[in-house]
N, C-alpha and C. Protein backbone atom coordinates (compact mmCIF):
# COMPACT_ATOMS: atom_id res chain seq x y z
N MET A 1 33.61 30.79 37.51
CA MET A 1 32.74 30.16 36.61
C MET A 1 31.31 30.37 37.05
N GLU A 2 31.00 30.47 38.32
CA GLU A 2 29.63 30.66 38.68
C GLU A 2 29.06 32.01 38.30
N ALA A 3 29.99 33.02 38.30
CA ALA A 3 29.62 34.34 37.87
C ALA A 3 29.16 34.40 36.41
N LEU A 4 29.97 33.56 35.49
CA LEU A 4 29.58 33.47 34.14
C LEU A 4 28.28 32.73 33.94
N LYS A 5 28.03 31.73 34.74
CA LYS A 5 26.77 30.97 34.60
C LYS A 5 25.61 32.00 34.97
N ALA A 6 25.80 32.90 35.94
CA ALA A 6 24.84 33.86 36.34
C ALA A 6 24.57 34.86 35.15
N LEU A 7 25.56 35.00 34.28
CA LEU A 7 25.43 35.91 33.25
C LEU A 7 24.76 35.17 31.98
N GLY A 8 24.39 33.89 32.10
CA GLY A 8 23.72 33.11 31.10
C GLY A 8 24.66 32.22 30.27
N TYR A 9 25.90 32.01 30.58
CA TYR A 9 26.83 31.15 29.90
C TYR A 9 26.62 29.83 30.33
N GLU A 10 26.75 28.86 29.40
CA GLU A 10 26.84 27.46 29.64
C GLU A 10 28.32 27.13 29.69
N ILE A 11 28.84 26.59 30.74
CA ILE A 11 30.20 26.27 31.03
C ILE A 11 30.55 24.80 30.82
N SER A 12 31.60 24.52 30.11
CA SER A 12 32.19 23.13 30.00
C SER A 12 33.70 23.16 30.25
N PRO A 13 34.09 22.13 30.97
CA PRO A 13 35.56 21.93 31.10
C PRO A 13 36.17 21.53 29.84
N ILE A 14 37.35 22.07 29.62
CA ILE A 14 38.17 21.64 28.49
C ILE A 14 39.61 21.41 29.10
N GLU A 15 40.40 20.82 28.30
CA GLU A 15 41.83 20.47 28.82
C GLU A 15 42.48 21.79 29.17
N GLY A 16 42.86 21.89 30.40
CA GLY A 16 43.62 23.06 30.90
C GLY A 16 42.81 24.27 31.13
N GLY A 17 41.51 24.12 31.25
CA GLY A 17 40.70 25.30 31.50
C GLY A 17 39.26 25.02 31.33
N PHE A 18 38.51 26.10 30.86
CA PHE A 18 37.10 25.85 30.52
C PHE A 18 36.72 26.73 29.40
N TYR A 19 35.46 26.42 28.81
CA TYR A 19 34.85 27.07 27.68
C TYR A 19 33.40 27.48 28.06
N GLY A 20 33.02 28.65 27.79
CA GLY A 20 31.66 29.13 28.08
C GLY A 20 31.05 29.62 26.77
N GLU A 21 29.75 29.45 26.68
CA GLU A 21 29.05 29.97 25.48
C GLU A 21 27.68 30.50 25.82
N LYS A 22 27.20 31.56 25.17
CA LYS A 22 25.88 32.15 25.38
C LYS A 22 25.40 32.53 23.94
N ARG A 23 24.12 32.32 23.71
CA ARG A 23 23.55 32.74 22.47
C ARG A 23 22.40 33.74 22.73
N GLN A 24 22.43 34.79 22.02
CA GLN A 24 21.35 35.84 22.04
C GLN A 24 21.01 36.28 20.72
N GLY A 25 19.86 35.85 20.21
CA GLY A 25 19.49 36.24 18.86
C GLY A 25 20.38 35.73 17.80
N GLY A 26 20.92 36.56 17.06
CA GLY A 26 21.88 36.18 16.01
C GLY A 26 23.38 36.26 16.41
N VAL A 27 23.58 36.30 17.75
CA VAL A 27 24.87 36.51 18.23
C VAL A 27 25.29 35.36 19.15
N VAL A 28 26.55 34.85 19.01
CA VAL A 28 27.17 33.84 19.88
C VAL A 28 28.31 34.45 20.55
N TYR A 29 28.31 34.44 21.90
CA TYR A 29 29.45 34.80 22.71
C TYR A 29 30.13 33.59 23.28
N GLN A 30 31.51 33.67 23.17
CA GLN A 30 32.29 32.51 23.74
C GLN A 30 33.49 33.03 24.45
N VAL A 31 33.64 32.24 25.57
CA VAL A 31 34.81 32.54 26.52
C VAL A 31 35.67 31.29 26.65
N PHE A 32 36.94 31.48 26.37
CA PHE A 32 37.99 30.39 26.51
C PHE A 32 38.84 30.82 27.67
N TYR A 33 38.99 30.02 28.63
CA TYR A 33 39.93 30.47 29.80
C TYR A 33 40.86 29.29 30.13
N SER A 34 42.17 29.50 30.22
CA SER A 34 43.16 28.55 30.62
C SER A 34 43.54 28.66 32.05
N GLU A 35 44.04 27.60 32.68
CA GLU A 35 44.50 27.70 34.04
C GLU A 35 45.64 28.70 34.24
N GLU A 36 46.36 29.08 33.10
CA GLU A 36 47.40 30.01 33.21
C GLU A 36 46.92 31.50 33.17
N GLY A 37 45.60 31.65 32.95
CA GLY A 37 45.01 32.92 32.85
C GLY A 37 44.84 33.52 31.56
N ASP A 38 45.15 32.75 30.50
CA ASP A 38 44.95 33.20 29.09
C ASP A 38 43.42 33.20 28.81
N VAL A 39 42.95 34.36 28.28
CA VAL A 39 41.54 34.58 27.97
C VAL A 39 41.42 34.86 26.45
N ARG A 40 40.41 34.24 25.86
CA ARG A 40 39.93 34.58 24.57
C ARG A 40 38.50 34.76 24.56
N LEU A 41 38.06 36.00 24.17
CA LEU A 41 36.65 36.27 24.06
C LEU A 41 36.36 36.30 22.58
N ARG A 42 35.21 35.72 22.20
CA ARG A 42 34.92 35.64 20.80
C ARG A 42 33.41 35.98 20.58
N ARG A 43 33.14 36.76 19.66
CA ARG A 43 31.66 37.08 19.29
C ARG A 43 31.46 36.80 17.76
N LEU A 44 30.46 36.06 17.51
CA LEU A 44 30.09 35.75 16.25
C LEU A 44 28.63 36.39 15.90
N ARG A 45 28.63 37.33 14.92
CA ARG A 45 27.31 37.92 14.55
C ARG A 45 26.98 37.45 13.20
N PHE A 46 25.76 36.79 13.12
CA PHE A 46 25.31 36.27 11.88
C PHE A 46 24.51 37.44 11.17
N LEU A 47 25.01 37.90 10.09
CA LEU A 47 24.46 39.06 9.39
C LEU A 47 23.27 38.69 8.50
N ARG A 48 23.45 37.64 7.69
CA ARG A 48 22.32 37.20 6.87
C ARG A 48 22.70 35.86 6.28
N GLU A 49 21.68 35.16 5.79
CA GLU A 49 21.75 33.84 5.21
C GLU A 49 20.98 33.93 3.87
N GLU A 50 21.57 33.16 2.95
CA GLU A 50 21.03 32.98 1.64
C GLU A 50 20.88 31.54 1.27
N ALA A 51 19.90 31.07 0.52
CA ALA A 51 19.72 29.71 0.17
C ALA A 51 18.91 29.78 -1.12
N LYS A 52 19.31 28.85 -2.10
CA LYS A 52 18.52 28.70 -3.28
C LYS A 52 18.86 27.28 -3.93
N PRO A 53 17.90 26.76 -4.64
CA PRO A 53 18.17 25.51 -5.38
C PRO A 53 19.28 25.73 -6.39
N LEU A 54 20.01 24.73 -6.63
CA LEU A 54 21.19 24.80 -7.55
C LEU A 54 21.43 23.49 -8.26
N ASN A 55 21.57 23.50 -9.54
CA ASN A 55 22.01 22.30 -10.30
C ASN A 55 23.45 22.45 -10.48
N LEU A 56 24.20 21.42 -10.02
CA LEU A 56 25.65 21.34 -10.13
C LEU A 56 26.09 20.05 -10.79
N ALA A 57 26.67 20.19 -12.00
CA ALA A 57 27.03 18.97 -12.77
C ALA A 57 25.97 18.00 -12.92
N GLY A 58 24.74 18.61 -13.20
CA GLY A 58 23.58 17.66 -13.41
C GLY A 58 22.96 17.06 -12.14
N VAL A 59 23.43 17.54 -10.94
CA VAL A 59 22.82 17.07 -9.73
C VAL A 59 22.12 18.17 -9.02
N ALA A 60 20.86 17.88 -8.72
CA ALA A 60 20.03 18.99 -8.15
C ALA A 60 20.36 19.04 -6.64
N GLY A 61 20.55 20.25 -6.11
CA GLY A 61 20.88 20.40 -4.66
C GLY A 61 20.49 21.74 -4.20
N GLU A 62 20.94 22.11 -3.13
CA GLU A 62 20.68 23.38 -2.48
C GLU A 62 21.98 24.12 -2.15
N TRP A 63 22.09 25.34 -2.57
CA TRP A 63 23.23 26.19 -2.22
C TRP A 63 22.86 27.01 -1.04
N ALA A 64 23.79 27.23 -0.03
CA ALA A 64 23.52 28.01 1.09
C ALA A 64 24.74 28.82 1.41
N ALA A 65 24.51 29.96 1.95
CA ALA A 65 25.69 30.80 2.40
C ALA A 65 25.22 31.50 3.71
N ARG A 66 26.18 31.69 4.62
CA ARG A 66 25.91 32.42 5.87
C ARG A 66 27.02 33.51 5.97
N TYR A 67 26.60 34.70 6.08
CA TYR A 67 27.62 35.78 6.28
C TYR A 67 27.68 36.16 7.72
N GLN A 68 28.92 36.24 8.14
CA GLN A 68 29.07 36.45 9.65
C GLN A 68 30.25 37.33 9.93
N VAL A 69 30.30 38.00 11.02
CA VAL A 69 31.40 38.76 11.49
C VAL A 69 31.99 38.02 12.74
N GLU A 70 33.31 37.88 12.80
CA GLU A 70 33.81 37.22 14.00
C GLU A 70 34.82 38.31 14.67
N GLU A 71 34.64 38.57 15.91
CA GLU A 71 35.46 39.41 16.64
C GLU A 71 36.15 38.69 17.85
N ASN A 72 37.42 39.00 18.13
CA ASN A 72 38.05 38.27 19.13
C ASN A 72 38.83 39.24 19.97
N PHE A 73 38.97 39.01 21.31
CA PHE A 73 39.85 39.73 22.24
C PHE A 73 40.62 38.80 23.05
N PHE A 74 41.94 38.95 23.08
CA PHE A 74 42.91 38.11 23.74
C PHE A 74 43.59 38.94 24.90
N ALA A 75 43.66 38.27 26.01
CA ALA A 75 44.33 38.86 27.15
C ALA A 75 44.80 37.86 28.21
N VAL A 76 45.52 38.32 29.22
CA VAL A 76 45.76 37.48 30.43
C VAL A 76 45.04 38.17 31.53
N ALA A 77 44.31 37.44 32.29
CA ALA A 77 43.47 38.08 33.38
C ALA A 77 43.20 37.01 34.54
N ASN A 78 42.93 37.55 35.65
CA ASN A 78 42.54 36.71 36.84
C ASN A 78 41.13 36.24 36.66
N PRO A 79 40.81 35.14 37.23
CA PRO A 79 39.46 34.62 37.05
C PRO A 79 38.33 35.60 37.63
N GLN A 80 38.70 36.30 38.70
CA GLN A 80 37.70 37.17 39.29
C GLN A 80 37.44 38.39 38.38
N ASP A 81 38.30 38.68 37.39
CA ASP A 81 38.13 39.72 36.49
C ASP A 81 37.16 39.38 35.25
N LEU A 82 36.97 38.05 35.10
CA LEU A 82 36.23 37.59 33.95
C LEU A 82 34.86 38.22 33.69
N PRO A 83 34.00 38.26 34.85
CA PRO A 83 32.66 38.79 34.55
C PRO A 83 32.59 40.22 34.12
N SER A 84 33.39 41.11 34.63
CA SER A 84 33.43 42.52 34.07
C SER A 84 34.08 42.52 32.69
N LEU A 85 35.04 41.77 32.39
CA LEU A 85 35.68 41.70 31.15
C LEU A 85 34.69 41.23 30.05
N VAL A 86 33.91 40.13 30.43
CA VAL A 86 32.94 39.61 29.45
C VAL A 86 31.81 40.59 29.22
N LEU A 87 31.29 41.17 30.29
CA LEU A 87 30.23 42.22 30.03
C LEU A 87 30.76 43.40 29.23
N ALA A 88 31.96 43.88 29.44
CA ALA A 88 32.57 44.90 28.57
C ALA A 88 32.61 44.43 27.11
N PHE A 89 32.98 43.27 26.89
CA PHE A 89 33.11 42.73 25.46
C PHE A 89 31.75 42.65 24.95
N GLU A 90 30.78 42.20 25.66
CA GLU A 90 29.35 42.06 25.06
C GLU A 90 28.88 43.44 24.60
N ARG A 91 29.28 44.54 25.36
CA ARG A 91 28.84 45.90 24.96
C ARG A 91 29.70 46.49 23.95
N LEU A 92 30.89 45.89 23.60
CA LEU A 92 31.85 46.52 22.68
C LEU A 92 31.16 46.72 21.32
N ASP A 93 31.35 47.89 20.68
CA ASP A 93 30.69 48.18 19.42
C ASP A 93 31.63 49.05 18.56
N LEU A 94 32.76 48.47 18.30
CA LEU A 94 33.83 49.24 17.47
C LEU A 94 33.35 49.61 16.08
N GLY A 95 32.45 48.82 15.48
CA GLY A 95 32.08 49.13 14.04
C GLY A 95 30.89 49.99 13.97
N GLY A 96 30.38 50.42 15.20
CA GLY A 96 29.19 51.29 15.07
C GLY A 96 27.84 50.53 14.78
N GLU A 97 27.97 49.25 14.82
CA GLU A 97 26.81 48.40 14.56
C GLU A 97 26.41 47.71 15.84
N THR A 98 25.15 47.83 16.26
CA THR A 98 24.70 47.02 17.41
C THR A 98 24.30 45.67 17.01
N PRO A 99 24.90 44.63 17.66
CA PRO A 99 24.52 43.26 17.23
C PRO A 99 23.08 42.95 17.51
């Protein structure tokens, strides 16, 4: 966990493991790790947002939409492998788009 903190992740305990999160610009990186070694890496990229006034059934309000891409990686790994795994996931660019 200390290695992930050094990479900029905020770490919180959860039942049976821990959760880490780091925000960089319009990207959120998340790490879920269980005591059994189950790993889930998640990246959310916010592509764009739209908002505009809208009248709905005679009630004035605001319509908003956020377009995002969610990427996940699932594996079983040892805790000492997490920093290199997390760094590789942060650099992963399968779609040819740099976040």
